[in-house]
Amino acid sequence: MKHTNTASMRVAEHIGMQLADTYQDPINTQTNVYALTREAWAGRMNT
C-alpha cells in the first residue's frame, strides 16, 4: 500500500499484520507490504 495511506496501515496492524517489506516503485514512490503469517492466522482463529 502507498506509504502515506495511514488508515490502511492501521487496519492491517489491527488485524495482526506486520510490515514485511518496503520498496520503491515508479507510481507510489514508496510501497509498504504487510503480511500475516500462517501461525499468526491460526492463533487468531483459536481465540
Protein backbone atom coordinates (compact mmCIF):
# COMPACT_ATOMS: atom_id res chain seq x y z
CA MET A 1 0.00 0.00 0.00
CA LYS A 2 1.11 3.57 -0.50
CA HIS A 3 3.28 4.67 2.42
CA THR A 4 1.05 7.67 3.10
CA ASN A 5 -2.11 5.55 3.48
CA THR A 6 -2.06 5.57 7.27
CA ALA A 7 -5.66 4.41 7.64
CA SER A 8 -4.96 1.18 5.75
CA MET A 9 -1.74 0.65 7.71
CA ARG A 10 -3.67 0.95 10.99
CA VAL A 11 -6.25 -1.57 9.80
CA ALA A 12 -3.55 -4.02 8.70
CA GLU A 13 -1.81 -3.74 12.07
CA HIS A 14 -5.10 -4.00 13.95
CA ILE A 15 -5.90 -7.37 12.34
CA GLY A 16 -2.43 -8.68 13.18
CA MET A 17 -0.44 -7.96 10.06
CA GLN A 18 3.14 -6.76 10.29
CA LEU A 19 5.24 -4.71 7.92
CA ALA A 20 7.01 -7.32 5.78
CA ASP A 21 8.76 -5.20 3.16
CA THR A 22 9.15 -1.69 1.82
CA TYR A 23 10.19 -0.94 -1.74
CA GLN A 24 10.37 1.90 -4.21
CA ASP A 25 8.07 1.86 -7.21
CA PRO A 26 7.58 4.29 -10.10
CA ILE A 27 3.97 5.15 -9.20
CA ASN A 28 3.77 5.48 -5.40
CA THR A 29 7.44 6.25 -4.70
CA GLN A 30 7.36 4.00 -1.62
CA THR A 31 5.16 0.96 -1.11
CA ASN A 32 4.71 -0.90 2.17
CA VAL A 33 3.87 -4.60 2.12
CA TYR A 34 2.05 -6.04 5.12
CA ALA A 35 1.72 -9.76 5.79
CA LEU A 36 0.17 -12.16 8.24
CA THR A 37 1.98 -15.42 8.96
CA ARG A 38 0.14 -18.71 8.89
CA GLU A 39 0.93 -19.15 12.59
CA ALA A 40 -0.48 -15.74 13.48
CA TRP A 41 -3.62 -16.50 11.46
CA ALA A 42 -4.05 -19.86 13.21
CA GLY A 43 -3.60 -18.15 16.57
CA ARG A 44 -6.34 -15.62 15.77
CA MET A 45 -8.73 -18.41 14.80
CA ASN A 46 -8.25 -20.18 18.14
CA THR A 47 -9.12 -17.17 20.29
